[in-house]
Amino acid sequence: MSRSPRAVPSRARRKKVFKAVKGFYGRRKNTITSANAAADRSLQHNYIGRKEKKRNFRALWIQRINAGCREHGITYSRFISGLAKAGIEIDRKVLSELATNEPAAFKALVDQASGASA
């Protein structure tokens, strides 16, 4: 029986790992053992970062909404509860865009929210 060469798949695996760690410093970019560990860790950080990105943007939107509310003399929590009581369902992303780019529209929402909560 003829010998089955295994160089092609193993080289392909190594090439895939080295491509993933291109640009890393030191031994992590050119030694397969270190590169494997670095590539695995980088993929874990990527996964975690995709989740953190959502948290960070929601926190940013809340800060922008709060700043817009404070300009009109109402707190963020009273504003959100007032919107809920008024039956207005707008997500925080759109509210932050209104607070930064459309102050007149945001003022109208603040008036409705404060009227509903009072």
N, C-alpha and C. Protein backbone atom coordinates (compact mmCIF):
# COMPACT_ATOMS: atom_id res chain seq x y z
N MET A 1 0.84 -1.19 0.00
CA MET A 1 0.00 0.00 0.00
C MET A 1 0.88 1.25 0.00
N SER A 2 0.47 2.25 -0.74
CA SER A 2 1.29 3.45 -0.86
C SER A 2 1.13 4.35 0.38
N ARG A 3 2.16 5.14 0.60
CA ARG A 3 2.17 6.03 1.75
C ARG A 3 1.30 7.26 1.46
N SER A 4 0.53 7.66 2.46
CA SER A 4 -0.32 8.84 2.29
C SER A 4 0.40 10.06 2.84
N PRO A 5 0.77 11.01 2.02
CA PRO A 5 1.46 12.19 2.54
C PRO A 5 0.49 13.08 3.32
N ARG A 6 0.98 13.60 4.43
CA ARG A 6 0.13 14.43 5.29
C ARG A 6 0.58 15.88 5.32
N ALA A 7 1.49 16.24 4.46
CA ALA A 7 2.04 17.59 4.53
C ALA A 7 1.03 18.65 4.09
N VAL A 8 0.18 18.30 3.14
CA VAL A 8 -0.72 19.32 2.59
C VAL A 8 -1.74 19.80 3.63
N PRO A 9 -2.47 18.94 4.32
CA PRO A 9 -3.43 19.46 5.30
C PRO A 9 -2.78 20.14 6.48
N SER A 10 -1.64 19.61 6.95
CA SER A 10 -1.00 20.25 8.10
C SER A 10 -0.46 21.62 7.72
N ARG A 11 0.08 21.75 6.51
CA ARG A 11 0.56 23.05 6.06
C ARG A 11 -0.62 24.01 5.92
N ALA A 12 -1.74 23.50 5.45
CA ALA A 12 -2.92 24.36 5.30
C ALA A 12 -3.40 24.87 6.66
N ARG A 13 -3.37 23.97 7.67
CA ARG A 13 -3.76 24.40 9.01
C ARG A 13 -2.83 25.48 9.53
N ARG A 14 -1.53 25.28 9.34
CA ARG A 14 -0.56 26.28 9.82
C ARG A 14 -0.72 27.60 9.09
N LYS A 15 -0.95 27.52 7.78
CA LYS A 15 -1.14 28.76 7.01
C LYS A 15 -2.35 29.54 7.50
N LYS A 16 -3.40 28.79 7.83
CA LYS A 16 -4.62 29.45 8.31
C LYS A 16 -4.35 30.18 9.63
N VAL A 17 -3.60 29.53 10.53
CA VAL A 17 -3.29 30.15 11.82
C VAL A 17 -2.37 31.34 11.62
N PHE A 18 -1.34 31.20 10.78
CA PHE A 18 -0.40 32.31 10.57
C PHE A 18 -1.08 33.49 9.90
N LYS A 19 -2.06 33.22 9.06
CA LYS A 19 -2.80 34.32 8.45
C LYS A 19 -3.61 35.06 9.50
N ALA A 20 -4.15 34.31 10.48
CA ALA A 20 -4.96 34.94 11.53
C ALA A 20 -4.12 35.80 12.47
N VAL A 21 -2.84 35.43 12.67
CA VAL A 21 -2.00 36.17 13.61
C VAL A 21 -1.04 37.12 12.91
N LYS A 22 -1.29 37.42 11.66
CA LYS A 22 -0.43 38.35 10.93
C LYS A 22 -0.51 39.73 11.60
N GLY A 23 0.63 40.31 11.86
CA GLY A 23 0.68 41.61 12.51
C GLY A 23 0.91 41.53 14.00
N PHE A 24 0.88 40.33 14.58
CA PHE A 24 1.16 40.20 16.00
C PHE A 24 2.66 40.38 16.23
N TYR A 25 3.05 40.71 17.47
CA TYR A 25 4.44 40.97 17.80
C TYR A 25 5.15 39.71 18.25
N GLY A 26 6.45 39.68 17.99
CA GLY A 26 7.33 38.66 18.55
C GLY A 26 7.06 37.27 18.03
N ARG A 27 7.24 36.30 18.90
CA ARG A 27 7.11 34.90 18.55
C ARG A 27 5.68 34.51 18.20
N ARG A 28 4.74 35.31 18.63
CA ARG A 28 3.33 34.96 18.43
C ARG A 28 2.95 34.93 16.96
N LYS A 29 3.74 35.57 16.11
CA LYS A 29 3.38 35.61 14.69
C LYS A 29 4.07 34.55 13.85
N ASN A 30 5.14 33.89 14.37
CA ASN A 30 5.87 32.98 13.51
C ASN A 30 6.22 31.63 14.12
N THR A 31 5.74 31.34 15.32
CA THR A 31 5.92 30.03 15.93
C THR A 31 4.53 29.42 16.09
N ILE A 32 4.34 28.22 15.57
CA ILE A 32 2.99 27.67 15.48
C ILE A 32 2.35 27.48 16.85
N THR A 33 3.13 27.07 17.87
CA THR A 33 2.54 26.85 19.19
C THR A 33 2.04 28.17 19.78
N SER A 34 2.89 29.19 19.74
CA SER A 34 2.48 30.50 20.26
C SER A 34 1.38 31.11 19.40
N ALA A 35 1.48 30.89 18.10
CA ALA A 35 0.47 31.46 17.20
C ALA A 35 -0.89 30.83 17.43
N ASN A 36 -0.92 29.51 17.68
CA ASN A 36 -2.19 28.85 17.98
C ASN A 36 -2.85 29.45 19.20
N ALA A 37 -2.07 29.61 20.27
CA ALA A 37 -2.61 30.17 21.52
C ALA A 37 -3.09 31.61 21.29
N ALA A 38 -2.30 32.39 20.57
CA ALA A 38 -2.66 33.79 20.33
C ALA A 38 -3.91 33.90 19.47
N ALA A 39 -4.03 33.01 18.47
CA ALA A 39 -5.21 33.05 17.60
C ALA A 39 -6.46 32.67 18.37
N ASP A 40 -6.36 31.64 19.23
CA ASP A 40 -7.52 31.23 20.04
C ASP A 40 -7.95 32.36 20.96
N ARG A 41 -6.96 33.00 21.60
CA ARG A 41 -7.28 34.08 22.52
C ARG A 41 -7.90 35.26 21.78
N SER A 42 -7.38 35.55 20.59
CA SER A 42 -7.91 36.69 19.84
C SER A 42 -9.36 36.43 19.43
N LEU A 43 -9.68 35.19 19.09
CA LEU A 43 -11.07 34.87 18.74
C LEU A 43 -11.98 35.01 19.95
N GLN A 44 -11.48 34.65 21.14
CA GLN A 44 -12.28 34.84 22.35
C GLN A 44 -12.53 36.32 22.60
N HIS A 45 -11.48 37.13 22.42
CA HIS A 45 -11.64 38.57 22.63
C HIS A 45 -12.61 39.16 21.61
N ASN A 46 -12.57 38.65 20.37
CA ASN A 46 -13.51 39.13 19.36
C ASN A 46 -14.94 38.84 19.78
N TYR A 47 -15.18 37.64 20.28
CA TYR A 47 -16.54 37.24 20.69
C TYR A 47 -17.03 38.12 21.84
N ILE A 48 -16.15 38.32 22.83
CA ILE A 48 -16.52 39.15 23.97
C ILE A 48 -16.78 40.59 23.52
N GLY A 49 -15.92 41.08 22.59
CA GLY A 49 -16.05 42.46 22.12
C GLY A 49 -17.35 42.72 21.39
N ARG A 50 -17.84 41.71 20.67
CA ARG A 50 -19.12 41.89 19.98
C ARG A 50 -20.26 42.06 20.97
N LYS A 51 -20.17 41.42 22.13
CA LYS A 51 -21.20 41.60 23.16
C LYS A 51 -21.04 42.94 23.88
N GLU A 52 -19.78 43.31 24.16
CA GLU A 52 -19.52 44.56 24.86
C GLU A 52 -19.93 45.77 24.04
N LYS A 53 -19.81 45.65 22.72
CA LYS A 53 -20.15 46.76 21.84
C LYS A 53 -21.61 47.17 22.03
N LYS A 54 -22.48 46.19 22.17
CA LYS A 54 -23.91 46.47 22.37
C LYS A 54 -24.13 47.19 23.70
N ARG A 55 -23.43 46.72 24.74
CA ARG A 55 -23.55 47.36 26.06
C ARG A 55 -23.07 48.81 26.02
N ASN A 56 -21.91 49.00 25.37
CA ASN A 56 -21.31 50.33 25.34
C ASN A 56 -22.19 51.33 24.58
N PHE A 57 -22.78 50.88 23.46
CA PHE A 57 -23.63 51.79 22.71
C PHE A 57 -24.89 52.14 23.48
N ARG A 58 -25.50 51.15 24.17
CA ARG A 58 -26.69 51.45 24.97
C ARG A 58 -26.35 52.46 26.06
N ALA A 59 -25.19 52.30 26.71
CA ALA A 59 -24.78 53.25 27.75
C ALA A 59 -24.58 54.64 27.15
N LEU A 60 -24.00 54.72 25.95
CA LEU A 60 -23.80 56.01 25.29
C LEU A 60 -25.14 56.67 24.98
N TRP A 61 -26.10 55.88 24.46
CA TRP A 61 -27.41 56.43 24.14
C TRP A 61 -28.08 56.97 25.40
N ILE A 62 -27.98 56.23 26.50
CA ILE A 62 -28.61 56.67 27.75
C ILE A 62 -27.97 57.96 28.23
N GLN A 63 -26.65 58.10 28.12
CA GLN A 63 -25.98 59.33 28.53
C GLN A 63 -26.44 60.51 27.69
N ARG A 64 -26.60 60.29 26.39
CA ARG A 64 -27.05 61.39 25.52
C ARG A 64 -28.48 61.79 25.83
N ILE A 65 -29.33 60.79 26.07
CA ILE A 65 -30.73 61.09 26.42
C ILE A 65 -30.78 61.85 27.74
N ASN A 66 -29.99 61.41 28.71
CA ASN A 66 -29.97 62.05 30.02
C ASN A 66 -29.51 63.50 29.89
N ALA A 67 -28.50 63.75 29.07
CA ALA A 67 -28.02 65.13 28.87
C ALA A 67 -29.12 65.99 28.24
N GLY A 68 -29.82 65.42 27.27
CA GLY A 68 -30.91 66.16 26.65
C GLY A 68 -32.06 66.43 27.62
N CYS A 69 -32.33 65.45 28.49
CA CYS A 69 -33.40 65.64 29.47
C CYS A 69 -33.04 66.71 30.48
N ARG A 70 -31.78 66.69 30.93
CA ARG A 70 -31.36 67.67 31.94
C ARG A 70 -31.46 69.09 31.42
N GLU A 71 -31.29 69.28 30.11
CA GLU A 71 -31.44 70.62 29.55
C GLU A 71 -32.86 71.14 29.71
N HIS A 72 -33.82 70.20 29.77
CA HIS A 72 -35.23 70.59 29.89
C HIS A 72 -35.76 70.37 31.30
N GLY A 73 -34.88 70.15 32.26
CA GLY A 73 -35.26 70.09 33.66
C GLY A 73 -35.97 68.81 34.09
N ILE A 74 -35.63 67.70 33.50
CA ILE A 74 -36.23 66.43 33.89
C ILE A 74 -35.11 65.39 33.92
N THR A 75 -35.25 64.39 34.78
CA THR A 75 -34.22 63.35 34.84
C THR A 75 -34.53 62.27 33.83
N TYR A 76 -33.52 61.43 33.56
CA TYR A 76 -33.67 60.35 32.59
C TYR A 76 -34.75 59.36 33.03
N SER A 77 -34.74 58.98 34.30
CA SER A 77 -35.68 57.96 34.76
C SER A 77 -37.12 58.47 34.70
N ARG A 78 -37.33 59.73 35.06
CA ARG A 78 -38.69 60.29 34.97
C ARG A 78 -39.13 60.42 33.51
N PHE A 79 -38.18 60.73 32.64
CA PHE A 79 -38.48 60.84 31.22
C PHE A 79 -38.91 59.49 30.64
N ILE A 80 -38.17 58.45 30.95
CA ILE A 80 -38.47 57.12 30.42
C ILE A 80 -39.80 56.61 30.99
N SER A 81 -40.02 56.82 32.28
CA SER A 81 -41.30 56.37 32.86
C SER A 81 -42.46 57.19 32.31
N GLY A 82 -42.23 58.48 32.06
CA GLY A 82 -43.27 59.31 31.46
C GLY A 82 -43.61 58.88 30.05
N LEU A 83 -42.59 58.49 29.27
CA LEU A 83 -42.86 57.98 27.93
C LEU A 83 -43.68 56.70 27.99
N ALA A 84 -43.35 55.83 28.94
CA ALA A 84 -44.09 54.57 29.07
C ALA A 84 -45.54 54.84 29.45
N LYS A 85 -45.76 55.78 30.36
CA LYS A 85 -47.14 56.10 30.77
C LYS A 85 -47.91 56.77 29.64
N ALA A 86 -47.21 57.53 28.80
CA ALA A 86 -47.86 58.19 27.67
C ALA A 86 -48.11 57.23 26.51
N GLY A 87 -47.54 56.03 26.60
CA GLY A 87 -47.73 55.05 25.55
C GLY A 87 -46.85 55.29 24.33
N ILE A 88 -45.75 55.97 24.54
CA ILE A 88 -44.82 56.25 23.44
C ILE A 88 -43.70 55.21 23.50
N GLU A 89 -43.55 54.45 22.44
CA GLU A 89 -42.53 53.40 22.39
C GLU A 89 -41.47 53.77 21.34
N ILE A 90 -40.42 54.42 21.80
CA ILE A 90 -39.29 54.76 20.94
C ILE A 90 -38.05 54.19 21.61
N ASP A 91 -37.20 53.50 20.85
CA ASP A 91 -36.02 52.91 21.47
C ASP A 91 -34.97 53.99 21.76
N ARG A 92 -34.02 53.61 22.59
CA ARG A 92 -33.05 54.58 23.10
C ARG A 92 -32.12 55.09 22.01
N LYS A 93 -31.88 54.30 20.99
CA LYS A 93 -31.03 54.74 19.88
C LYS A 93 -31.66 55.94 19.18
N VAL A 94 -32.94 55.82 18.88
CA VAL A 94 -33.64 56.90 18.18
C VAL A 94 -33.79 58.12 19.10
N LEU A 95 -34.05 57.87 20.39
CA LEU A 95 -34.16 58.98 21.34
C LEU A 95 -32.85 59.76 21.42
N SER A 96 -31.71 59.06 21.41
CA SER A 96 -30.44 59.76 21.49
C SER A 96 -30.17 60.57 20.22
N GLU A 97 -30.57 60.02 19.07
CA GLU A 97 -30.42 60.77 17.82
C GLU A 97 -31.28 62.03 17.85
N LEU A 98 -32.50 61.91 18.37
CA LEU A 98 -33.37 63.08 18.48
C LEU A 98 -32.77 64.11 19.44
N ALA A 99 -32.21 63.62 20.56
CA ALA A 99 -31.65 64.54 21.55
C ALA A 99 -30.47 65.32 20.99
N THR A 100 -29.68 64.69 20.13
CA THR A 100 -28.50 65.37 19.61
C THR A 100 -28.78 66.18 18.35
N ASN A 101 -29.63 65.63 17.46
CA ASN A 101 -29.80 66.27 16.15
C ASN A 101 -31.11 67.04 15.98
N GLU A 102 -32.15 66.68 16.72
CA GLU A 102 -33.46 67.32 16.58
C GLU A 102 -33.96 67.80 17.95
N PRO A 103 -33.41 68.88 18.47
CA PRO A 103 -33.80 69.31 19.82
C PRO A 103 -35.27 69.69 19.95
N ALA A 104 -35.87 70.20 18.88
CA ALA A 104 -37.29 70.60 18.97
C ALA A 104 -38.19 69.37 19.13
N ALA A 105 -37.90 68.33 18.36
CA ALA A 105 -38.68 67.10 18.47
C ALA A 105 -38.47 66.45 19.83
N PHE A 106 -37.25 66.50 20.33
CA PHE A 106 -36.97 65.92 21.64
C PHE A 106 -37.69 66.71 22.74
N LYS A 107 -37.74 68.03 22.58
CA LYS A 107 -38.46 68.88 23.55
C LYS A 107 -39.94 68.51 23.59
N ALA A 108 -40.52 68.21 22.43
CA ALA A 108 -41.93 67.81 22.38
C ALA A 108 -42.13 66.49 23.13
N LEU A 109 -41.19 65.57 22.97
CA LEU A 109 -41.28 64.30 23.70
C LEU A 109 -41.14 64.50 25.20
N VAL A 110 -40.24 65.41 25.60
CA VAL A 110 -40.06 65.69 27.03
C VAL A 110 -41.33 66.28 27.59
N ASP A 111 -41.98 67.17 26.85
CA ASP A 111 -43.23 67.77 27.33
C ASP A 111 -44.32 66.72 27.50
N GLN A 112 -44.41 65.81 26.54
CA GLN A 112 -45.42 64.75 26.65
C GLN A 112 -45.13 63.82 27.82
N ALA A 113 -43.85 63.51 28.02
CA ALA A 113 -43.47 62.60 29.09
C ALA A 113 -43.71 63.24 30.46
N SER A 114 -43.38 64.52 30.59
CA SER A 114 -43.59 65.19 31.87
C SER A 114 -45.08 65.40 32.14
N GLY A 115 -45.85 65.60 31.09
CA GLY A 115 -47.30 65.72 31.27
C GLY A 115 -47.93 64.41 31.69
N ALA A 116 -47.43 63.31 31.18
CA ALA A 116 -47.99 62.00 31.53
C ALA A 116 -47.59 61.56 32.92
N SER A 117 -46.38 61.95 33.35
CA SER A 117 -45.92 61.51 34.67
C SER A 117 -46.49 62.37 35.80
N ALA A 118 -46.94 63.58 35.46
CA ALA A 118 -47.45 64.47 36.50
C ALA A 118 -48.89 64.17 36.89
